[in-house]
Protein backbone atom coordinates (compact mmCIF):
# COMPACT_ATOMS: atom_id res chain seq x y z
CA MET A 1 -23.48 -13.93 83.80
CA ASP A 2 -19.92 -14.83 83.19
CA SER A 3 -20.05 -18.13 81.89
CA VAL A 4 -22.10 -16.66 79.39
CA THR A 5 -19.78 -13.98 78.35
CA THR A 6 -17.32 -16.46 78.20
CA ALA A 7 -18.72 -18.49 75.73
CA GLU A 8 -19.46 -15.83 73.96
CA ARG A 9 -15.89 -14.57 73.28
CA ARG A 10 -14.85 -18.61 72.55
CA PRO A 11 -13.86 -18.96 68.76
CA LEU A 12 -16.64 -19.98 66.78
CA THR A 13 -16.30 -23.85 65.47
CA GLY A 14 -16.49 -24.63 62.19
CA ARG A 15 -20.12 -25.36 62.31
CA LEU A 16 -20.74 -21.90 63.75
CA ARG A 17 -18.50 -20.02 61.34
CA PHE A 18 -20.98 -21.74 58.21
CA VAL A 19 -24.14 -20.78 59.73
CA ARG A 20 -23.10 -16.59 60.15
CA VAL A 21 -21.85 -17.11 56.49
CA ALA A 22 -25.54 -18.80 55.64
CA ALA A 23 -27.66 -16.37 57.79
CA TRP A 24 -25.83 -13.05 56.45
CA LEU A 25 -26.75 -14.51 53.01
CA MET A 26 -30.56 -15.10 53.84
CA VAL A 27 -30.04 -11.23 55.38
CA ALA A 28 -29.46 -10.28 51.45
CA VAL A 29 -32.17 -12.74 50.10
CA SER A 30 -34.62 -11.74 52.46
CA ALA A 31 -34.06 -8.12 52.25
CA VAL A 32 -32.86 -8.04 48.16
CA GLY A 33 -34.09 -10.86 46.84
CA LEU A 34 -37.21 -11.04 48.00
CA PHE A 35 -38.08 -7.43 47.78
CA GLY A 36 -37.85 -6.11 51.04
CA ILE A 37 -36.24 -3.15 50.81
CA ALA A 38 -37.56 -2.13 47.87
CA ASP A 39 -41.09 -2.45 48.95
CA LEU A 40 -40.01 0.07 52.17
CA MET A 41 -39.01 2.45 49.19
CA THR A 42 -42.75 2.98 48.19
CA LEU A 43 -43.19 4.86 51.41
CA PRO A 44 -40.70 7.92 50.66
CA GLY A 45 -41.60 7.72 46.85
CA TRP A 46 -37.96 6.36 45.94
CA VAL A 47 -39.25 4.74 43.07
CA ASP A 48 -40.86 4.37 39.47
CA GLN A 49 -43.49 7.48 39.88
CA ARG A 50 -44.96 6.61 36.57
CA TYR A 51 -46.97 3.85 38.45
CA VAL A 52 -49.16 4.16 41.23
CA TRP A 53 -47.87 2.13 44.23
CA ALA A 54 -50.28 0.45 46.66
CA VAL A 55 -48.20 1.79 49.48
CA PRO A 56 -49.33 0.11 52.53
CA LEU A 57 -49.56 -3.00 50.87
CA GLU A 58 -46.05 -2.18 49.94
CA ALA A 59 -45.07 -1.56 53.01
CA SER A 60 -47.13 -4.43 55.15
CA TRP A 61 -44.76 -6.99 52.14
CA GLY A 62 -41.27 -4.86 53.04
CA SER A 63 -41.28 -4.66 56.65
CA LEU A 64 -42.72 -8.17 56.48
CA MET A 65 -39.67 -8.79 54.80
CA THR A 66 -36.90 -6.33 55.66
CA PHE A 67 -37.46 -6.11 59.71
CA VAL A 68 -38.68 -9.26 59.99
CA VAL A 69 -37.74 -12.50 58.05
CA ALA A 70 -33.60 -10.40 57.46
CA GLY A 71 -34.23 -8.74 60.74
CA SER A 72 -34.17 -12.55 62.06
CA TYR A 73 -31.03 -13.92 60.08
CA VAL A 74 -28.92 -10.60 61.45
CA SER A 75 -29.62 -11.80 65.09
CA ILE A 76 -28.84 -15.27 63.88
CA ALA A 77 -25.68 -14.45 62.33
CA ARG A 78 -24.39 -11.97 65.00
CA ASN A 79 -24.95 -14.52 67.78
CA PRO A 80 -24.61 -17.82 65.99
CA ARG A 81 -24.58 -19.37 69.06
CA ASP A 82 -27.94 -18.39 70.45
CA PRO A 83 -29.90 -18.79 67.20
CA TRP A 84 -33.66 -19.16 69.25
CA PRO A 85 -34.78 -15.56 68.90
CA GLY A 86 -34.47 -15.09 65.37
CA SER A 87 -35.43 -18.75 64.79
CA ILE A 88 -38.82 -18.61 66.73
CA LEU A 89 -39.44 -15.24 64.39
CA LEU A 90 -39.03 -16.62 61.70
CA GLY A 91 -40.98 -19.67 62.51
CA ALA A 92 -43.91 -17.38 63.79
CA THR A 93 -43.84 -16.19 60.54
CA ALA A 94 -43.71 -19.21 58.31
CA LEU A 95 -46.83 -20.32 59.98
CA SER A 96 -48.62 -16.91 59.61
CA LEU A 97 -47.82 -17.60 56.07
CA MET A 98 -49.21 -21.01 56.15
CA LEU A 99 -52.38 -19.76 57.88
CA SER A 100 -52.67 -16.81 54.71
CA THR A 101 -53.08 -19.46 52.15
CA VAL A 102 -56.05 -21.36 53.91
CA PHE A 103 -57.56 -17.75 55.58
CA GLY A 104 -57.18 -16.06 52.40
CA ALA A 105 -57.81 -18.83 50.21
CA ASP A 106 -54.78 -18.20 48.03
CA VAL A 107 -51.90 -21.34 48.24
CA ARG A 108 -49.07 -18.52 46.44
CA PRO A 109 -47.69 -17.56 49.60
CA LEU A 110 -46.61 -21.07 50.44
CA PRO A 111 -43.59 -21.03 48.80
CA LEU A 112 -42.58 -17.74 50.38
CA ALA A 113 -43.15 -19.75 53.72
CA LEU A 114 -40.85 -22.18 52.88
CA ILE A 115 -38.22 -19.77 52.06
CA ILE A 116 -38.33 -18.57 55.35
CA ALA A 117 -38.54 -21.69 57.28
CA VAL A 118 -36.24 -24.19 55.38
CA PRO A 119 -32.98 -22.02 55.66
CA ALA A 120 -33.66 -21.53 59.11
CA LEU A 121 -34.66 -25.11 60.43
CA GLY A 122 -31.34 -26.32 58.09
CA LEU A 123 -29.50 -23.35 60.11
CA LEU A 124 -30.69 -25.18 63.49
CA VAL A 125 -29.80 -28.52 62.22
CA ALA A 126 -25.80 -27.19 60.65
CA GLY A 127 -25.27 -25.94 64.11
CA ARG A 128 -27.17 -28.07 66.87
CA ARG A 129 -24.09 -29.35 68.36
CA ASP A 130 -22.74 -25.82 69.44
CA ILE A 131 -25.80 -23.69 70.13
CA ARG A 132 -27.10 -22.71 73.58
CA SER A 133 -29.61 -25.54 74.31
CA PHE A 134 -33.32 -23.77 73.79
CA ARG A 135 -34.26 -23.18 77.45
CA PHE A 136 -38.20 -21.38 78.05
CA VAL A 137 -38.23 -19.90 81.76
CA PRO A 138 -42.17 -18.31 82.13
CA SER A 139 -40.81 -14.69 82.74
CA LEU A 140 -44.54 -12.39 82.46
CA SER A 141 -43.64 -9.15 81.65
CA TRP A 142 -47.10 -7.07 82.84
CA LEU A 143 -46.24 -4.16 80.66
CA HIS A 144 -45.80 -6.41 77.71
CA LEU A 145 -49.05 -7.95 78.17
CA LEU A 146 -50.50 -4.81 78.29
CA ALA A 147 -49.30 -3.89 75.04
CA ALA A 148 -50.51 -7.71 73.90
CA ALA A 149 -53.92 -6.79 74.67
CA ALA A 150 -54.04 -3.92 72.82
CA ALA A 151 -52.12 -5.66 69.88
CA VAL A 152 -54.97 -8.38 69.30
CA PRO A 153 -58.07 -6.11 68.42
CA LEU A 154 -55.47 -3.85 65.70
CA TRP A 155 -53.99 -6.26 64.35
CA LEU A 156 -56.42 -9.34 63.91
CA THR A 157 -58.65 -6.68 62.66
CA TYR A 158 -56.08 -5.65 60.34
CA SER A 159 -55.13 -9.33 59.06
CA VAL A 160 -59.41 -10.19 58.62
CA HIS A 161 -59.66 -7.47 56.66
CA ALA A 162 -56.41 -8.07 53.96
CA PHE A 163 -57.47 -11.89 54.53
CA ARG A 164 -61.34 -10.77 52.92
CA MET A 165 -59.63 -8.84 50.99
CA SER A 166 -57.52 -11.44 49.12
CA ARG A 167 -60.67 -13.52 48.71
CA LEU A 168 -62.90 -10.89 47.09
CA GLU A 169 -59.91 -9.79 44.90
CA PRO A 170 -57.39 -12.60 44.17
CA ASP A 171 -55.94 -11.22 41.04
CA ALA A 172 -55.49 -7.72 41.99
CA GLY A 173 -52.60 -7.56 40.53
CA HIS A 174 -50.49 -6.32 43.48
CA VAL A 175 -47.71 -8.64 42.83
CA THR A 176 -43.97 -9.97 43.78
CA TRP A 177 -42.93 -13.13 42.63
CA GLY A 178 -46.21 -14.16 41.52
CA ILE A 179 -47.53 -13.27 44.96
CA GLU A 180 -50.56 -11.43 45.78
CA HIS A 181 -49.58 -9.29 48.42
CA TRP A 182 -52.84 -9.45 50.27
CA PRO A 183 -52.57 -12.62 51.91
CA VAL A 184 -49.15 -12.05 52.91
CA GLN A 185 -50.37 -8.40 54.53
CA GLY A 186 -52.73 -10.56 56.41
CA ALA A 187 -49.65 -12.68 57.29
CA ALA A 188 -47.87 -10.15 58.26
CA GLY A 189 -50.56 -8.91 60.93
CA LEU A 190 -50.39 -12.54 62.73
CA THR A 191 -47.19 -12.49 62.34
CA LEU A 192 -46.63 -9.34 64.89
CA LEU A 193 -49.56 -10.64 67.35
CA ALA A 194 -47.91 -13.51 67.55
CA ALA A 195 -44.75 -12.11 68.15
CA VAL A 196 -46.01 -9.51 70.93
CA LEU A 197 -47.66 -13.04 72.57
CA ILE A 198 -44.58 -14.54 72.50
CA MET A 199 -42.43 -11.45 74.02
CA THR A 200 -45.10 -11.01 76.73
CA TRP A 201 -43.60 -15.13 78.45
CA TRP A 202 -40.24 -15.16 77.05
CA SER A 203 -37.49 -12.61 78.07
CA GLN A 204 -35.00 -13.98 76.00
CA GLY A 205 -35.93 -13.41 72.66
CA ARG A 206 -37.88 -10.18 73.41
CA ARG A 207 -34.88 -7.39 72.57
CA LEU A 208 -35.32 -9.14 68.64
CA LEU A 209 -39.30 -9.31 68.85
CA ARG A 210 -39.70 -5.84 69.91
CA ILE A 211 -37.17 -4.58 67.96
CA SER A 212 -38.43 -6.17 64.45
CA THR A 213 -42.22 -5.96 65.52
CA SER A 214 -42.32 -2.01 67.07
CA LEU A 215 -40.34 -1.00 63.69
CA SER A 216 -42.57 -2.88 61.13
CA ALA A 217 -45.45 -1.61 63.31
CA VAL A 218 -44.66 2.03 62.95
CA TYR A 219 -43.95 1.36 59.28
CA ILE A 220 -47.09 0.05 57.76
CA GLY A 221 -49.18 3.19 60.32
CA THR A 222 -47.02 5.27 58.87
CA ALA A 223 -48.22 4.49 55.08
CA MET A 224 -51.61 3.77 55.79
CA LEU A 225 -51.59 7.60 57.18
CA ALA A 226 -49.30 8.76 54.43
CA TYR A 227 -51.54 6.89 51.95
CA PRO A 228 -55.27 6.24 52.96
CA ASP A 229 -56.56 6.03 49.74
CA ARG A 230 -54.72 3.44 47.87
CA ALA A 231 -54.83 -0.65 48.48
CA GLY A 232 -53.82 -1.97 51.88
CA ALA A 233 -55.46 0.94 54.00
CA MET A 234 -57.75 0.43 56.09
CA ASP A 235 -61.18 2.14 56.31
CA SER A 236 -60.53 4.70 59.30
CA LEU A 237 -57.42 6.83 59.62
CA MET A 238 -57.15 5.04 63.65
CA PHE A 239 -55.80 2.62 62.68
CA GLY A 240 -52.66 4.22 61.29
CA VAL A 241 -52.17 6.50 64.19
CA ALA A 242 -53.42 3.66 66.34
CA MET A 243 -50.41 1.16 64.58
CA VAL A 244 -47.91 4.32 65.04
CA LEU A 245 -48.58 4.60 69.02
CA TRP A 246 -48.83 1.53 69.70
CA GLY A 247 -45.43 0.20 67.84
CA ALA A 248 -44.02 3.28 69.59
CA VAL A 249 -44.94 2.99 73.41
CA LEU A 250 -43.78 -0.98 72.24
CA ALA A 251 -40.33 0.39 71.40
CA LEU A 252 -39.76 2.18 74.67
CA LEU A 253 -40.85 -0.41 76.90
CA PRO A 254 -37.35 -2.13 78.61
CA ALA A 255 -36.57 -5.64 77.29
CA HIS A 256 -35.57 -7.12 80.62
CA PRO A 257 -38.16 -5.17 83.78
CA ARG A 258 -35.76 -5.46 86.48
CA SER A 259 -37.99 -6.68 89.59
CA GLY A 260 -37.26 -9.89 91.40
CA GLY A 261 -38.58 -12.55 89.40
CA GLU A 262 -36.83 -11.73 86.00
CA GLU A 263 -33.80 -11.23 87.71
CA ALA A 264 -34.74 -14.54 88.87
CA THR A 265 -35.51 -15.87 85.54
CA GLN A 266 -32.34 -14.23 84.40
CA ALA A 267 -30.30 -16.00 86.38
CA ALA A 268 -31.98 -19.74 85.72
CA VAL A 269 -31.17 -18.93 82.44
CA ALA A 270 -27.85 -18.41 82.77
């Protein structure tokens, strides 16, 4: 671990400084340009009250763009030598959005997937000579495995419902940048499910994925409980309760459980 610490203290190369600046730019694009923060603000009501906002739908879009996408770019900007946790989560998000175009029968999320995936790939290419090599050493966490088992029925049902509504209401009027929110809500559920499955086996990305996923789950569940009669909410309040509890429990799980196997894995990664 000393060698990693020493490497982190070295001055950044020109390529890595470019990666850092570009990543911070993408944080602004995701959180502001893609209306991540603006959509989150519908829950506390810091929006124009002349309109009836579909708060649960807005919360899913806002959580995905802010906690997941912007959060991933923050991770890359803070540590451009190790962009892998953020890059993997961005890849999972882009893939989920691509799948939403099929399951939701709506191609409009495709440009959003490209806006997320192309810069992430570009940053990896730009810093390829100076970033840490990607290593996947399987490190099963039984606590995260239990969380993943609970996530499958919760977030898969959530996504299936959103994709069904996307097909039934292709022009419901819940639009950001010309993209209907229903398929993006389905993609948000798939992303959270993918994230918890990844963190179950990959200790290196566990910290970022846990933070992004737990914040998203709690926020989406809270929006559903606060506005159960608005578009984007599930039929039962128990889904909102389950989402909040699941996200809170996930946030409390240790990123690196101190078992013998885990310590061996950490040594292998270092």
